[in-house]
């Protein structure tokens, strides 16, 4: 592959600015935790696992000159995105490490932990791909939503990793990817990754998915997740719930792919998940140009919650879980 998402070298984090893809491949290099926090807020860095990894490097960088900045950086990064659990998992792991031993309160120690977290995600993506691909025995037409590839993770991706593995095993016939409104992560990012990996595909509007199912052009739906709670309810990009309902009606398997760190056993059901709401300009403008009256009222949730009863299986790096979901 001739692109990457996150790379740490020479005491700096380099990331691709995803807001400019696919038309411009621009990389940003920084050693400032505040710049990384802003990148997460602006969706220059996005995708639940990638957000967590970037936050880990940001916390390490916050103490490069003085460990007095650690807790300031920790609180700043916690405020960036509220829904994806991976962010809080990494921040709390780094904080526990920092507080446990005075020998951990330095840049090299925290950086080693951040690198370990990044490398773990790379391995988890590979295992998700392997476990997911085993569910399919013949040529398959997949529908996916939002972006779940290298741009969303530290490795080859979650749902996209499975798609990539199926392609390598010659068990993939075709991929349909939803445009994923309002920010077009499917149209801009998943199409970019599909093209980079030479996977046959077409992009569809979000409202086309049910029609494809009705025409029997979809064999399975595979999506990622930003948070999976104890009963299996799953928060993911807005529109995922609609896909799950349509898949259930058409008797099409609906799979969720995510690392084990995405599972939040602190929450019993999806009703407890805080859903991020974003600025109305994400809907009313495209490339800073208004496509509606600037004054209209907009409801713009970034995620929705799919009930566990609509999910055929949850594919993790540990194993494939089937209902009733018990993550032990």
Protein backbone atom coordinates (compact mmCIF):
# COMPACT_ATOMS: atom_id res chain seq x y z
CA UNK A 1 0.00 0.00 0.00
CA UNK A 2 1.30 3.47 -0.87
CA UNK A 3 -0.48 5.32 1.93
CA UNK A 4 -0.60 5.21 5.71
CA UNK A 5 -2.73 6.67 8.48
CA UNK A 6 -0.55 7.06 11.58
CA UNK A 7 3.23 6.86 11.85
CA UNK A 8 5.42 7.82 14.80
CA UNK A 9 9.09 8.43 14.17
CA UNK A 10 11.78 10.89 15.28
CA UNK A 11 9.64 11.95 18.24
CA UNK A 12 6.78 13.17 16.05
CA UNK A 13 3.40 11.83 14.93
CA UNK A 14 2.61 11.98 11.24
CA UNK A 15 -0.98 11.49 10.10
CA UNK A 16 -2.89 11.89 6.87
CA UNK A 17 -5.46 14.69 6.93
CA UNK A 18 -8.60 12.72 6.14
CA UNK A 19 -10.71 15.84 5.61
CA UNK A 20 -8.84 16.44 2.34
CA UNK A 21 -9.07 12.93 0.94
CA UNK A 22 -9.39 11.61 -1.71
CA UNK A 23 -8.47 14.64 -3.80
CA UNK A 24 -5.43 15.70 -1.75
CA UNK A 25 -3.08 13.36 0.12
CA UNK A 26 -1.64 15.72 2.73
CA UNK A 27 0.31 14.53 5.76
CA UNK A 28 0.68 16.52 8.98
CA UNK A 29 3.67 16.07 11.31
CA UNK A 30 3.60 17.34 14.89
CA UNK A 31 5.01 16.80 18.35
CA UNK A 32 2.26 18.84 20.06
CA UNK A 33 -0.55 17.08 21.93
CA UNK A 34 -2.87 20.03 21.33
CA UNK A 35 -2.48 19.68 17.54
CA UNK A 36 -3.41 16.01 17.80
CA UNK A 37 -6.45 16.87 19.95
CA UNK A 38 -7.59 19.39 17.34
CA UNK A 39 -7.05 16.80 14.59
CA UNK A 40 -9.33 14.36 16.39
CA UNK A 41 -12.02 17.02 16.82
CA UNK A 42 -11.83 18.10 13.18
CA UNK A 43 -11.91 14.46 11.99
CA UNK A 44 -8.49 14.81 10.40
CA UNK A 45 -7.89 11.70 12.49
CA UNK A 46 -11.00 9.54 12.84
CA UNK A 47 -12.11 5.95 13.39
CA UNK A 48 -12.42 4.57 16.91
CA UNK A 49 -9.13 2.59 17.08
CA UNK A 50 -7.14 5.33 15.32
CA UNK A 51 -8.44 7.99 17.69
CA UNK A 52 -7.27 5.93 20.65
CA UNK A 53 -3.83 5.32 19.16
CA UNK A 54 -3.36 9.01 18.32
CA UNK A 55 -4.42 9.98 21.85
CA UNK A 56 -1.83 7.60 23.28
CA UNK A 57 0.95 9.26 21.31
CA UNK A 58 -0.42 12.69 22.29
CA UNK A 59 -0.23 11.85 26.00
CA UNK A 60 3.33 10.64 25.60
CA UNK A 61 4.29 13.83 23.78
CA UNK A 62 2.68 15.93 26.51
CA UNK A 63 5.45 14.97 28.94
CA UNK A 64 8.38 15.21 26.53
CA UNK A 65 9.54 18.45 28.18
CA UNK A 66 7.75 18.25 31.53
CA UNK A 67 5.47 15.69 33.17
CA UNK A 68 3.40 18.55 34.59
CA UNK A 69 1.38 18.63 31.37
CA UNK A 70 0.13 15.04 31.63
CA UNK A 71 -3.18 15.63 33.40
CA UNK A 72 -3.92 18.77 31.39
CA UNK A 73 -3.43 16.78 28.20
CA UNK A 74 -5.44 13.87 29.57
CA UNK A 75 -8.47 16.09 30.26
CA UNK A 76 -8.09 17.90 26.94
CA UNK A 77 -8.07 14.67 24.96
CA UNK A 78 -11.09 13.30 26.87
CA UNK A 79 -13.14 16.20 25.54
CA UNK A 80 -12.45 15.58 21.87
CA UNK A 81 -15.02 12.89 20.98
CA UNK A 82 -17.60 11.40 23.37
CA UNK A 83 -18.87 8.18 21.75
CA UNK A 84 -15.95 5.95 20.76
CA UNK A 85 -14.82 3.89 23.76
CA UNK A 86 -11.32 3.23 22.39
CA UNK A 87 -10.33 6.81 23.16
CA UNK A 88 -11.18 6.47 26.84
CA UNK A 89 -9.72 2.96 27.04
CA UNK A 90 -6.32 4.23 25.88
CA UNK A 91 -6.38 7.43 27.94
CA UNK A 92 -7.28 5.56 31.12
CA UNK A 93 -4.68 2.88 30.46
CA UNK A 94 -2.01 5.54 30.00
CA UNK A 95 -3.19 7.38 33.12
CA UNK A 96 -3.11 4.22 35.24
CA UNK A 97 0.41 3.48 33.98
CA UNK A 98 1.52 7.05 34.77
CA UNK A 99 0.09 7.01 38.29
CA UNK A 100 1.24 3.51 39.26
CA UNK A 101 4.99 4.11 39.38
CA UNK A 102 7.19 7.22 39.41
CA UNK A 103 9.44 5.45 36.94
CA UNK A 104 6.61 5.61 34.40
CA UNK A 105 6.29 9.39 34.57
CA UNK A 106 8.61 10.13 31.68
CA UNK A 107 8.47 10.42 27.92
CA UNK A 108 10.31 7.18 26.95
CA UNK A 109 8.13 5.00 29.21
CA UNK A 110 4.86 6.53 28.01
CA UNK A 111 6.01 6.41 24.40
CA UNK A 112 6.79 2.69 24.70
CA UNK A 113 3.28 2.10 26.00
CA UNK A 114 1.76 4.12 23.14
CA UNK A 115 3.79 2.10 20.64
CA UNK A 116 2.64 -1.13 22.32
CA UNK A 117 -0.99 0.00 22.00
CA UNK A 118 -0.44 0.78 18.31
CA UNK A 119 1.22 -2.59 17.63
CA UNK A 120 -1.56 -4.39 19.48
CA UNK A 121 -4.14 -2.80 17.20
CA UNK A 122 -2.18 -3.94 14.15
CA UNK A 123 -2.32 -7.54 15.42
CA UNK A 124 -5.99 -7.21 16.39
CA UNK A 125 -6.91 -6.07 12.90
CA UNK A 126 -5.17 -9.10 11.42
CA UNK A 127 -7.05 -11.47 13.74
CA UNK A 128 -10.40 -9.78 13.04
CA UNK A 129 -9.75 -10.27 9.32
CA UNK A 130 -8.87 -13.93 9.82
CA UNK A 131 -11.84 -14.67 12.10
CA UNK A 132 -14.27 -12.82 9.85
CA UNK A 133 -13.10 -14.41 6.61
CA UNK A 134 -13.73 -17.88 8.06
CA UNK A 135 -17.47 -17.12 8.13
CA UNK A 136 -17.59 -17.04 4.33
CA UNK A 137 -17.18 -20.15 2.20
CA UNK A 138 -17.82 -18.87 -1.33
CA UNK A 139 -17.82 -15.75 -3.49
CA UNK A 140 -19.63 -13.01 -1.59
CA UNK A 141 -21.13 -9.60 -2.31
CA UNK A 142 -20.57 -7.33 0.70
CA UNK A 143 -22.25 -4.09 1.74
CA UNK A 144 -20.32 -1.86 4.12
CA UNK A 145 -20.86 1.53 5.74
CA UNK A 146 -18.65 4.49 6.68
CA UNK A 147 -14.90 3.77 6.73
CA UNK A 148 -13.27 0.92 8.64
CA UNK A 149 -9.93 0.42 6.91
CA UNK A 150 -6.39 1.56 7.59
CA UNK A 151 -7.67 5.14 7.79
CA UNK A 152 -9.77 4.20 10.82
CA UNK A 153 -7.31 1.95 12.66
CA UNK A 154 -3.65 1.28 13.31
CA UNK A 155 -3.64 -1.77 11.02
CA UNK A 156 -5.50 -3.05 7.96
CA UNK A 157 -8.91 -2.26 9.41
CA UNK A 158 -11.86 -3.97 11.07
CA UNK A 159 -14.76 -4.56 8.67
CA UNK A 160 -12.51 -3.43 5.82
CA UNK A 161 -9.82 -5.83 7.03
CA UNK A 162 -12.27 -8.71 6.56
CA UNK A 163 -13.11 -7.43 3.08
CA UNK A 164 -9.41 -7.24 2.26
CA UNK A 165 -8.81 -10.77 3.53
CA UNK A 166 -11.77 -12.11 1.51
CA UNK A 167 -10.31 -10.41 -1.55
CA UNK A 168 -6.93 -12.05 -0.95
CA UNK A 169 -8.60 -15.44 -0.51
CA UNK A 170 -10.59 -14.90 -3.75
CA UNK A 171 -13.86 -15.18 -1.81
CA UNK A 172 -14.98 -11.63 -2.55
CA UNK A 173 -17.12 -10.94 -5.58
CA UNK A 174 -17.98 -7.28 -5.09
CA UNK A 175 -18.29 -4.49 -2.51
CA UNK A 176 -21.00 -1.88 -2.27
CA UNK A 177 -20.08 0.98 0.04
CA UNK A 178 -22.58 3.53 1.35
CA UNK A 179 -21.62 7.17 0.83
CA UNK A 180 -22.15 7.66 4.59
CA UNK A 181 -23.72 11.07 5.04
CA UNK A 182 -23.20 13.73 6.22
CA UNK A 183 -19.40 13.66 5.86
CA UNK A 184 -19.15 11.08 3.08
CA UNK A 185 -16.62 8.79 4.77
CA UNK A 186 -17.72 6.03 2.41
CA UNK A 187 -17.65 8.16 -0.72
CA UNK A 188 -14.35 9.84 0.14
CA UNK A 189 -12.41 7.36 2.27
CA UNK A 190 -13.69 3.81 1.69
CA UNK A 191 -13.68 4.37 -2.08
CA UNK A 192 -10.08 5.60 -1.73
CA UNK A 193 -9.03 2.46 0.16
CA UNK A 194 -10.96 0.12 -2.16
CA UNK A 195 -9.22 1.68 -5.16
CA UNK A 196 -5.78 1.50 -3.48
CA UNK A 197 -6.35 -2.23 -2.90
CA UNK A 198 -7.85 -2.85 -6.37
CA UNK A 199 -11.09 -4.26 -4.96
CA UNK A 200 -14.11 -4.19 -7.32
CA UNK A 201 -16.72 -1.84 -5.92
CA UNK A 202 -19.42 0.73 -6.40
CA UNK A 203 -20.42 3.57 -4.09
CA UNK A 204 -24.12 3.98 -3.37
CA UNK A 205 -26.23 6.61 -1.67
CA UNK A 206 -27.26 5.58 1.83
CA UNK A 207 -30.89 5.25 0.71
CA UNK A 208 -29.97 2.76 -2.05
CA UNK A 209 -29.04 -0.08 0.33
CA UNK A 210 -32.54 -1.53 0.77
CA UNK A 211 -33.06 -1.56 -2.98
CA UNK A 212 -29.88 -3.61 -3.47
CA UNK A 213 -31.08 -6.06 -0.83
CA UNK A 214 -34.45 -6.34 -2.49
CA UNK A 215 -32.71 -7.14 -5.78
CA UNK A 216 -30.64 -9.85 -4.02
CA UNK A 217 -27.37 -8.10 -4.77
CA UNK A 218 -26.13 -8.25 -1.18
CA UNK A 219 -25.02 -11.46 0.58
CA UNK A 220 -23.87 -9.88 3.86
CA UNK A 221 -23.43 -6.55 5.60
CA UNK A 222 -20.22 -5.87 7.56
CA UNK A 223 -19.76 -2.69 9.59
CA UNK A 224 -17.43 -1.45 12.29
CA UNK A 225 -18.25 -0.13 15.76
CA UNK A 226 -17.37 2.77 18.02
CA UNK A 227 -18.74 1.16 21.17
CA UNK A 228 -20.25 -2.25 21.94
CA UNK A 229 -21.94 -2.62 25.32
CA UNK A 230 -22.49 -5.63 27.54
CA UNK A 231 -25.70 -6.88 25.91
CA UNK A 232 -24.32 -6.50 22.35
CA UNK A 233 -25.97 -3.20 21.44
CA UNK A 234 -23.60 -1.35 19.15
CA UNK A 235 -22.97 2.33 18.41
CA UNK A 236 -21.67 3.07 14.94
CA UNK A 237 -21.86 5.69 12.21
CA UNK A 238 -25.36 7.14 11.73
CA UNK A 239 -27.27 4.97 9.26
CA UNK A 240 -26.01 1.66 10.63
CA UNK A 241 -29.29 1.00 12.45
CA UNK A 242 -31.22 1.46 9.21
CA UNK A 243 -28.96 -1.05 7.46
CA UNK A 244 -29.50 -3.57 10.26
CA UNK A 245 -33.30 -3.24 10.03
CA UNK A 246 -33.21 -3.65 6.26
CA UNK A 247 -30.86 -6.63 6.50
CA UNK A 248 -33.14 -8.34 9.03
CA UNK A 249 -36.19 -7.84 6.80
CA UNK A 250 -34.36 -9.32 3.81
CA UNK A 251 -32.81 -12.13 5.90
CA UNK A 252 -29.25 -11.01 5.18
CA UNK A 253 -26.49 -11.58 7.78
CA UNK A 254 -25.46 -8.39 9.57
CA UNK A 255 -21.97 -8.50 11.10
CA UNK A 256 -20.15 -6.05 13.37
CA UNK A 257 -16.34 -6.12 13.37
CA UNK A 258 -14.31 -4.51 16.16
CA UNK A 259 -11.35 -5.17 18.48
CA UNK A 260 -12.08 -6.44 21.97
CA UNK A 261 -11.16 -2.99 23.34
CA UNK A 262 -14.32 -1.60 21.71
CA UNK A 263 -16.47 -3.67 24.08
CA UNK A 264 -17.57 -1.59 27.07
CA UNK A 265 -18.74 -3.83 29.89
CA UNK A 266 -19.46 -0.78 32.04
CA UNK A 267 -22.66 -0.16 30.07
CA UNK A 268 -25.47 -2.71 30.12
CA UNK A 269 -27.42 -1.45 27.09
CA UNK A 270 -27.19 0.96 24.22
CA UNK A 271 -29.51 3.40 25.94
CA UNK A 272 -26.56 4.40 28.13
CA UNK A 273 -24.33 5.42 25.21
CA UNK A 274 -23.84 9.14 24.76
CA UNK A 275 -24.39 9.99 21.10
CA UNK A 276 -22.27 12.81 19.75
CA UNK A 277 -24.12 15.58 17.93
CA UNK A 278 -22.11 17.65 15.50
CA UNK A 279 -22.41 21.05 13.86
CA UNK A 280 -25.24 21.67 11.42
CA UNK A 281 -22.73 22.98 8.86
CA UNK A 282 -21.67 19.39 8.19
CA UNK A 283 -25.07 19.00 6.51
CA UNK A 284 -25.77 22.50 5.21
CA UNK A 285 -22.34 23.00 3.61
CA UNK A 286 -20.05 21.06 1.31
CA UNK A 287 -16.47 22.32 1.00
CA UNK A 288 -17.44 25.50 2.85
CA UNK A 289 -20.19 26.21 0.29
CA UNK A 290 -23.76 26.34 1.56
CA UNK A 291 -26.18 24.00 -0.21
CA UNK A 292 -29.14 25.17 1.90
CA UNK A 293 -30.21 28.26 3.74
CA UNK A 294 -27.68 28.92 6.52
CA UNK A 295 -30.57 29.52 8.94
CA UNK A 296 -32.34 26.16 8.82
CA UNK A 297 -32.53 23.96 11.91
CA UNK A 298 -30.60 20.66 11.72
CA UNK A 299 -30.40 17.52 13.85
CA UNK A 300 -27.01 15.92 13.18
CA UNK A 301 -26.17 12.88 15.36
CA UNK A 302 -22.86 11.30 14.38
CA UNK A 303 -23.89 7.79 15.49
CA UNK A 304 -26.87 5.56 16.13
CA UNK A 305 -27.29 2.40 18.17
CA UNK A 306 -28.12 -0.99 16.63
CA UNK A 307 -29.87 -3.38 19.06
CA UNK A 308 -28.10 -6.68 19.64
CA UNK A 309 -31.09 -8.66 18.33
CA UNK A 310 -30.40 -7.30 14.83
CA UNK A 311 -26.73 -8.37 14.84
CA UNK A 312 -25.93 -11.82 13.44
CA UNK A 313 -22.47 -11.93 15.03
CA UNK A 314 -19.77 -9.69 16.46
CA UNK A 315 -16.35 -10.42 14.99
CA UNK A 316 -13.49 -9.58 17.34
CA UNK A 317 -9.79 -10.34 17.39
CA UNK A 318 -10.45 -12.86 20.18
CA UNK A 319 -13.22 -14.81 18.44
CA UNK A 320 -16.61 -14.52 16.76
CA UNK A 321 -19.42 -13.93 19.24
CA UNK A 322 -22.96 -15.07 18.52
CA UNK A 323 -26.11 -14.12 20.44
CA UNK A 324 -26.87 -14.07 23.26
CA UNK A 325 -23.75 -11.97 23.69
CA UNK A 326 -21.45 -12.70 26.61
CA UNK A 327 -18.01 -11.13 26.25
CA UNK A 328 -15.90 -13.23 28.59
